[in-house]
């Protein structure tokens, strides 16, 4: 049986070997390299995002604008499991039905009145509500959800906190009608129980401008 001193020596050697590997090969989490802690500065944990300022919604066909703050543009979030976004809605603006495959979302209304909700998996039950400034609503992870500004004459805004450093987003309409190459007409016509001509028209709309 190995002596305690031998086991201690073995453990020490293994630690040194692993430490060297970490020192020369930066650890990566979800594809993003971790910065050497000794080289970190306060600026690594800061982002001049100007989220207090409204964004333009006039250039969007759906009259909304999402400003994302995640690990892609804020490396200090790496490994922390959190991100956020500011959403601006023009009059009657919509943040169209979409999914965050890796995150639950907590939305706080900053200004205006929103109609919002999410749909559960089968059976597809809609949980919706009208919310106002200061209200909070949660969208469970990977559930289809949406928001709409109910005002005809003024903008609205919200701040969303998400439980992932890189939550991802899948727009339902873009994914179904704007995929390249396109999903078969036969599949979509059968799924939506409509004529192929309508499917062709919908796909043409999304191919022309997929930045919804």
C-alpha atoms as a PDB file:
ATOM      1  CA  UNK A   1       0.000   0.000   0.000  1.00  0.00           C
ATOM      2  CA  UNK A   2       1.347   3.457  -0.885  1.00  0.00           C
ATOM      3  CA  UNK A   3       2.475   5.624   2.017  1.00  0.00           C
ATOM      4  CA  UNK A   4       0.796   8.941   2.794  1.00  0.00           C
ATOM      5  CA  UNK A   5       3.928  10.809   1.682  1.00  0.00           C
ATOM      6  CA  UNK A   6       3.832   9.049  -1.706  1.00  0.00           C
ATOM      7  CA  UNK A   7       0.183   9.971  -2.185  1.00  0.00           C
ATOM      8  CA  UNK A   8       0.931  13.576  -1.263  1.00  0.00           C
ATOM      9  CA  UNK A   9       3.784  13.718  -3.793  1.00  0.00           C
ATOM     10  CA  UNK A  10       1.550  12.262  -6.520  1.00  0.00           C
ATOM     11  CA  UNK A  11      -1.209  14.763  -5.775  1.00  0.00           C
ATOM     12  CA  UNK A  12       1.282  17.623  -5.903  1.00  0.00           C
ATOM     13  CA  UNK A  13       2.621  16.515  -9.276  1.00  0.00           C
ATOM     14  CA  UNK A  14      -0.906  16.231 -10.697  1.00  0.00           C
ATOM     15  CA  UNK A  15      -1.752  19.715  -9.441  1.00  0.00           C
ATOM     16  CA  UNK A  16       1.355  21.212 -11.019  1.00  0.00           C
ATOM     17  CA  UNK A  17       0.647  19.480 -14.313  1.00  0.00           C
ATOM     18  CA  UNK A  18      -2.942  20.768 -14.420  1.00  0.00           C
ATOM     19  CA  UNK A  19      -1.839  24.265 -13.386  1.00  0.00           C
ATOM     20  CA  UNK A  20       0.636  24.366 -16.257  1.00  0.00           C
ATOM     21  CA  UNK A  21      -2.031  23.266 -18.699  1.00  0.00           C
ATOM     22  CA  UNK A  22      -4.343  26.069 -17.542  1.00  0.00           C
ATOM     23  CA  UNK A  23      -1.535  28.635 -17.656  1.00  0.00           C
ATOM     24  CA  UNK A  24      -0.611  27.871 -21.274  1.00  0.00           C
ATOM     25  CA  UNK A  25      -4.038  26.920 -22.665  1.00  0.00           C
ATOM     26  CA  UNK A  26      -6.752  29.447 -21.657  1.00  0.00           C
ATOM     27  CA  UNK A  27      -9.901  27.794 -20.362  1.00  0.00           C
ATOM     28  CA  UNK A  28     -12.916  28.209 -22.599  1.00  0.00           C
ATOM     29  CA  UNK A  29     -16.528  28.267 -21.436  1.00  0.00           C
ATOM     30  CA  UNK A  30     -19.282  28.014 -24.042  1.00  0.00           C
ATOM     31  CA  UNK A  31     -16.703  28.895 -26.665  1.00  0.00           C
ATOM     32  CA  UNK A  32     -15.442  32.051 -24.938  1.00  0.00           C
ATOM     33  CA  UNK A  33     -11.923  32.182 -23.515  1.00  0.00           C
ATOM     34  CA  UNK A  34     -11.487  33.181 -19.875  1.00  0.00           C
ATOM     35  CA  UNK A  35      -9.099  36.062 -19.262  1.00  0.00           C
ATOM     36  CA  UNK A  36      -6.155  35.548 -16.939  1.00  0.00           C
ATOM     37  CA  UNK A  37      -7.484  36.813 -13.546  1.00  0.00           C
ATOM     38  CA  UNK A  38      -4.153  38.532 -12.847  1.00  0.00           C
ATOM     39  CA  UNK A  39      -4.608  40.630 -15.995  1.00  0.00           C
ATOM     40  CA  UNK A  40      -8.202  41.655 -15.232  1.00  0.00           C
ATOM     41  CA  UNK A  41      -9.088  45.328 -14.734  1.00  0.00           C
ATOM     42  CA  UNK A  42     -12.254  47.171 -13.608  1.00  0.00           C
ATOM     43  CA  UNK A  43     -13.012  47.919 -17.269  1.00  0.00           C
ATOM     44  CA  UNK A  44     -13.496  44.183 -17.903  1.00  0.00           C
ATOM     45  CA  UNK A  45     -16.620  44.432 -15.750  1.00  0.00           C
ATOM     46  CA  UNK A  46     -17.951  47.649 -17.305  1.00  0.00           C
ATOM     47  CA  UNK A  47     -19.905  48.442 -20.462  1.00  0.00           C
ATOM     48  CA  UNK A  48     -20.941  51.945 -21.491  1.00  0.00           C
ATOM     49  CA  UNK A  49     -24.193  50.594 -22.910  1.00  0.00           C
ATOM     50  CA  UNK A  50     -26.232  53.824 -22.547  1.00  0.00           C
ATOM     51  CA  UNK A  51     -29.356  51.787 -21.832  1.00  0.00           C
ATOM     52  CA  UNK A  52     -31.022  54.914 -20.496  1.00  0.00           C
ATOM     53  CA  UNK A  53     -31.324  56.179 -24.077  1.00  0.00           C
ATOM     54  CA  UNK A  54     -34.178  55.204 -26.383  1.00  0.00           C
ATOM     55  CA  UNK A  55     -33.305  53.458 -29.638  1.00  0.00           C
ATOM     56  CA  UNK A  56     -34.744  54.144 -33.085  1.00  0.00           C
ATOM     57  CA  UNK A  57     -37.659  51.896 -34.056  1.00  0.00           C
ATOM     58  CA  UNK A  58     -38.648  53.539 -37.346  1.00  0.00           C
ATOM     59  CA  UNK A  59     -36.269  51.412 -39.397  1.00  0.00           C
ATOM     60  CA  UNK A  60     -37.943  48.192 -38.293  1.00  0.00           C
ATOM     61  CA  UNK A  61     -40.943  46.690 -40.089  1.00  0.00           C
ATOM     62  CA  UNK A  62     -42.304  45.541 -36.738  1.00  0.00           C
ATOM     63  CA  UNK A  63     -41.527  48.906 -35.062  1.00  0.00           C
ATOM     64  CA  UNK A  64     -39.263  47.556 -32.321  1.00  0.00           C
ATOM     65  CA  UNK A  65     -35.544  47.563 -31.516  1.00  0.00           C
ATOM     66  CA  UNK A  66     -33.654  45.183 -29.194  1.00  0.00           C
ATOM     67  CA  UNK A  67     -30.298  46.213 -27.700  1.00  0.00           C
ATOM     68  CA  UNK A  68     -28.538  43.100 -26.392  1.00  0.00           C
ATOM     69  CA  UNK A  69     -25.856  43.130 -23.691  1.00  0.00           C
ATOM     70  CA  UNK A  70     -24.331  39.647 -23.547  1.00  0.00           C
ATOM     71  CA  UNK A  71     -20.964  37.906 -23.532  1.00  0.00           C
ATOM     72  CA  UNK A  72     -20.471  38.672 -27.239  1.00  0.00           C
ATOM     73  CA  UNK A  73     -20.225  42.437 -26.635  1.00  0.00           C
ATOM     74  CA  UNK A  74     -19.458  42.346 -22.885  1.00  0.00           C
ATOM     75  CA  UNK A  75     -16.730  39.742 -22.177  1.00  0.00           C
ATOM     76  CA  UNK A  76     -16.925  40.395 -18.431  1.00  0.00           C
ATOM     77  CA  UNK A  77     -20.146  38.360 -18.364  1.00  0.00           C
ATOM     78  CA  UNK A  78     -18.277  35.173 -19.282  1.00  0.00           C
ATOM     79  CA  UNK A  79     -19.149  32.274 -16.889  1.00  0.00           C
ATOM     80  CA  UNK A  80     -21.567  34.460 -14.871  1.00  0.00           C
ATOM     81  CA  UNK A  81     -24.772  33.097 -16.417  1.00  0.00           C
ATOM     82  CA  UNK A  82     -26.512  36.430 -16.922  1.00  0.00           C
ATOM     83  CA  UNK A  83     -27.206  39.010 -19.643  1.00  0.00           C
ATOM     84  CA  UNK A  84     -29.749  41.718 -20.384  1.00  0.00           C
ATOM     85  CA  UNK A  85     -31.435  43.660 -23.159  1.00  0.00           C
ATOM     86  CA  UNK A  86     -33.267  46.922 -23.638  1.00  0.00           C
ATOM     87  CA  UNK A  87     -36.343  46.680 -25.861  1.00  0.00           C
ATOM     88  CA  UNK A  88     -37.812  49.789 -27.489  1.00  0.00           C
ATOM     89  CA  UNK A  89     -41.269  49.708 -29.052  1.00  0.00           C
ATOM     90  CA  UNK A  90     -42.639  52.346 -31.399  1.00  0.00           C
ATOM     91  CA  UNK A  91     -46.400  53.005 -31.417  1.00  0.00           C
ATOM     92  CA  UNK A  92     -48.037  49.579 -31.842  1.00  0.00           C
ATOM     93  CA  UNK A  93     -44.537  48.096 -32.065  1.00  0.00           C
ATOM     94  CA  UNK A  94     -44.114  44.339 -31.586  1.00  0.00           C
ATOM     95  CA  UNK A  95     -41.268  42.184 -30.347  1.00  0.00           C
ATOM     96  CA  UNK A  96     -42.431  39.260 -32.474  1.00  0.00           C
ATOM     97  CA  UNK A  97     -42.890  35.677 -31.154  1.00  0.00           C
ATOM     98  CA  UNK A  98     -39.496  34.157 -30.427  1.00  0.00           C
ATOM     99  CA  UNK A  99     -37.590  31.734 -28.194  1.00  0.00           C
ATOM    100  CA  UNK A 100     -34.477  32.034 -26.024  1.00  0.00           C
ATOM    101  CA  UNK A 101     -33.212  28.429 -26.112  1.00  0.00           C
ATOM    102  CA  UNK A 102     -30.807  28.883 -23.199  1.00  0.00           C
ATOM    103  CA  UNK A 103     -32.495  31.347 -20.853  1.00  0.00           C
ATOM    104  CA  UNK A 104     -35.447  32.364 -18.743  1.00  0.00           C
ATOM    105  CA  UNK A 105     -36.293  36.051 -19.207  1.00  0.00           C
ATOM    106  CA  UNK A 106     -37.466  38.525 -16.579  1.00  0.00           C
ATOM    107  CA  UNK A 107     -38.950  41.645 -18.189  1.00  0.00           C
ATOM    108  CA  UNK A 108     -39.453  44.989 -16.414  1.00  0.00           C
ATOM    109  CA  UNK A 109     -41.568  47.667 -18.099  1.00  0.00           C
ATOM    110  CA  UNK A 110     -39.700  50.991 -18.128  1.00  0.00           C
ATOM    111  CA  UNK A 111     -42.281  53.054 -19.990  1.00  0.00           C
ATOM    112  CA  UNK A 112     -45.707  52.548 -21.539  1.00  0.00           C
ATOM    113  CA  UNK A 113     -48.226  49.702 -21.573  1.00  0.00           C
ATOM    114  CA  UNK A 114     -47.494  46.304 -23.120  1.00  0.00           C
ATOM    115  CA  UNK A 115     -49.567  43.299 -24.076  1.00  0.00           C
ATOM    116  CA  UNK A 116     -47.345  40.266 -23.651  1.00  0.00           C
ATOM    117  CA  UNK A 117     -47.391  36.542 -23.075  1.00  0.00           C
ATOM    118  CA  UNK A 118     -45.903  33.109 -23.653  1.00  0.00           C
ATOM    119  CA  UNK A 119     -47.198  29.792 -24.984  1.00  0.00           C
ATOM    120  CA  UNK A 120     -46.540  26.483 -23.256  1.00  0.00           C
ATOM    121  CA  UNK A 121     -45.608  23.245 -24.991  1.00  0.00           C
ATOM    122  CA  UNK A 122     -48.435  20.859 -25.918  1.00  0.00           C
ATOM    123  CA  UNK A 123     -51.153  21.540 -25.019  1.00  0.00           C
ATOM    124  CA  UNK A 124     -50.402  25.064 -26.258  1.00  0.00           C
ATOM    125  CA  UNK A 125     -51.784  27.270 -23.512  1.00  0.00           C
ATOM    126  CA  UNK A 126     -51.318  31.053 -23.757  1.00  0.00           C
ATOM    127  CA  UNK A 127     -50.408  32.983 -20.593  1.00  0.00           C
ATOM    128  CA  UNK A 128     -50.894  36.673 -21.431  1.00  0.00           C
ATOM    129  CA  UNK A 129     -51.326  39.929 -19.564  1.00  0.00           C
ATOM    130  CA  UNK A 130     -51.395  43.703 -19.998  1.00  0.00           C
ATOM    131  CA  UNK A 131     -48.544  45.246 -18.005  1.00  0.00           C
ATOM    132  CA  UNK A 132     -47.601  48.833 -17.209  1.00  0.00           C
ATOM    133  CA  UNK A 133     -44.592  50.878 -16.091  1.00  0.00           C
ATOM    134  CA  UNK A 134     -42.864  49.238 -13.140  1.00  0.00           C
ATOM    135  CA  UNK A 135     -44.516  45.835 -13.665  1.00  0.00           C
ATOM    136  CA  UNK A 136     -42.479  42.630 -14.006  1.00  0.00           C
ATOM    137  CA  UNK A 137     -43.269  39.500 -16.053  1.00  0.00           C
ATOM    138  CA  UNK A 138     -41.317  36.278 -16.501  1.00  0.00           C
ATOM    139  CA  UNK A 139     -40.982  34.156 -19.649  1.00  0.00           C
ATOM    140  CA  UNK A 140     -39.877  30.581 -18.841  1.00  0.00           C
ATOM    141  CA  UNK A 141     -36.875  29.146 -20.664  1.00  0.00           C
ATOM    142  CA  UNK A 142     -37.432  28.081 -24.290  1.00  0.00           C
ATOM    143  CA  UNK A 143     -41.107  29.128 -24.356  1.00  0.00           C
ATOM    144  CA  UNK A 144     -42.445  31.109 -27.339  1.00  0.00           C
ATOM    145  CA  UNK A 145     -43.143  34.653 -26.122  1.00  0.00           C
ATOM    146  CA  UNK A 146     -43.870  38.179 -27.423  1.00  0.00           C
ATOM    147  CA  UNK A 147     -44.612  41.778 -26.444  1.00  0.00           C
ATOM    148  CA  UNK A 148     -46.621  44.564 -28.078  1.00  0.00           C
ATOM    149  CA  UNK A 149     -46.915  48.271 -27.316  1.00  0.00           C
ATOM    150  CA  UNK A 150     -50.636  49.033 -27.033  1.00  0.00           C
ATOM    151  CA  UNK A 151     -50.263  52.791 -27.535  1.00  0.00           C
ATOM    152  CA  UNK A 152     -51.098  54.215 -30.968  1.00  0.00           C
ATOM    153  CA  UNK A 153     -49.268  57.488 -30.391  1.00  0.00           C
ATOM    154  CA  UNK A 154     -46.276  56.995 -28.072  1.00  0.00           C
ATOM    155  CA  UNK A 155     -43.340  54.639 -27.554  1.00  0.00           C
ATOM    156  CA  UNK A 156     -42.729  52.097 -24.818  1.00  0.00           C
ATOM    157  CA  UNK A 157     -39.614  50.482 -23.392  1.00  0.00           C
ATOM    158  CA  UNK A 158     -38.627  47.489 -21.269  1.00  0.00           C
ATOM    159  CA  UNK A 159     -35.515  45.977 -19.709  1.00  0.00           C
ATOM    160  CA  UNK A 160     -35.018  42.209 -19.815  1.00  0.00           C
ATOM    161  CA  UNK A 161     -32.707  40.167 -17.596  1.00  0.00           C
ATOM    162  CA  UNK A 162     -31.799  36.709 -18.923  1.00  0.00           C
ATOM    163  CA  UNK A 163     -30.360  33.690 -17.113  1.00  0.00           C
ATOM    164  CA  UNK A 164     -27.568  33.010 -19.604  1.00  0.00           C
ATOM    165  CA  UNK A 165     -24.468  34.861 -20.740  1.00  0.00           C
ATOM    166  CA  UNK A 166     -25.535  34.076 -24.332  1.00  0.00           C
ATOM    167  CA  UNK A 167     -29.270  33.262 -24.351  1.00  0.00           C
ATOM    168  CA  UNK A 168     -29.673  33.049 -28.120  1.00  0.00           C
ATOM    169  CA  UNK A 169     -32.826  33.970 -29.990  1.00  0.00           C
ATOM    170  CA  UNK A 170     -34.958  32.130 -32.542  1.00  0.00           C
ATOM    171  CA  UNK A 171     -37.572  34.263 -34.287  1.00  0.00           C
ATOM    172  CA  UNK A 172     -40.475  31.959 -35.108  1.00  0.00           C
ATOM    173  CA  UNK A 173     -41.553  33.698 -38.317  1.00  0.00           C
ATOM    174  CA  UNK A 174     -37.973  34.135 -39.562  1.00  0.00           C
ATOM    175  CA  UNK A 175     -37.107  30.520 -38.823  1.00  0.00           C
ATOM    176  CA  UNK A 176     -40.204  29.107 -40.526  1.00  0.00           C
ATOM    177  CA  UNK A 177     -40.486  31.385 -43.579  1.00  0.00           C
ATOM    178  CA  UNK A 178     -36.993  32.855 -43.920  1.00  0.00           C
ATOM    179  CA  UNK A 179     -34.725  29.810 -43.678  1.00  0.00           C
ATOM    180  CA  UNK A 180     -32.085  29.345 -46.365  1.00  0.00           C
ATOM    181  CA  UNK A 181     -32.533  26.997 -48.128  1.00  0.00           C
ATOM    182  CA  UNK A 182     -36.289  27.237 -47.552  1.00  0.00           C
ATOM    183  CA  UNK A 183     -38.421  24.609 -45.882  1.00  0.00           C
ATOM    184  CA  UNK A 184     -40.431  22.631 -48.451  1.00  0.00           C
ATOM    185  CA  UNK A 185     -43.668  24.281 -49.645  1.00  0.00           C
ATOM    186  CA  UNK A 186     -45.453  20.984 -49.111  1.00  0.00           C
ATOM    187  CA  UNK A 187     -44.361  20.834 -45.471  1.00  0.00           C
ATOM    188  CA  UNK A 188     -45.420  24.413 -44.681  1.00  0.00           C
ATOM    189  CA  UNK A 189     -48.665  24.291 -46.663  1.00  0.00           C
ATOM    190  CA  UNK A 190     -49.673  21.140 -44.793  1.00  0.00           C
ATOM    191  CA  UNK A 191     -48.574  22.468 -41.413  1.00  0.00           C
ATOM    192  CA  UNK A 192     -50.482  25.744 -41.777  1.00  0.00           C
ATOM    193  CA  UNK A 193     -53.331  24.290 -43.870  1.00  0.00           C
ATOM    194  CA  UNK A 194     -53.020  26.967 -46.567  1.00  0.00           C
ATOM    195  CA  UNK A 195     -52.313  27.076 -50.302  1.00  0.00           C
ATOM    196  CA  UNK A 196     -48.730  26.964 -51.584  1.00  0.00           C
ATOM    197  CA  UNK A 197     -49.143  30.406 -53.191  1.00  0.00           C
ATOM    198  CA  UNK A 198     -49.492  31.956 -49.751  1.00  0.00           C
ATOM    199  CA  UNK A 199     -46.376  30.121 -48.559  1.00  0.00           C
ATOM    200  CA  UNK A 200     -44.438  31.464 -51.574  1.00  0.00           C
ATOM    201  CA  UNK A 201     -45.574  35.003 -50.791  1.00  0.00           C
ATOM    202  CA  UNK A 202     -44.642  34.750 -47.118  1.00  0.00           C
ATOM    203  CA  UNK A 203     -41.203  33.362 -47.925  1.00  0.00           C
ATOM    204  CA  UNK A 204     -40.572  36.165 -50.429  1.00  0.00           C
ATOM    205  CA  UNK A 205     -41.376  38.766 -47.767  1.00  0.00           C
ATOM    206  CA  UNK A 206     -38.859  37.304 -45.318  1.00  0.00           C
ATOM    207  CA  UNK A 207     -36.142  36.760 -47.929  1.00  0.00           C
ATOM    208  CA  UNK A 208     -36.331  40.434 -48.959  1.00  0.00           C
ATOM    209  CA  UNK A 209     -35.693  41.656 -45.426  1.00  0.00           C
ATOM    210  CA  UNK A 210     -34.889  39.117 -42.740  1.00  0.00           C
ATOM    211  CA  UNK A 211     -34.049  41.799 -40.156  1.00  0.00           C
ATOM    212  CA  UNK A 212     -37.316  41.731 -38.265  1.00  0.00           C
END
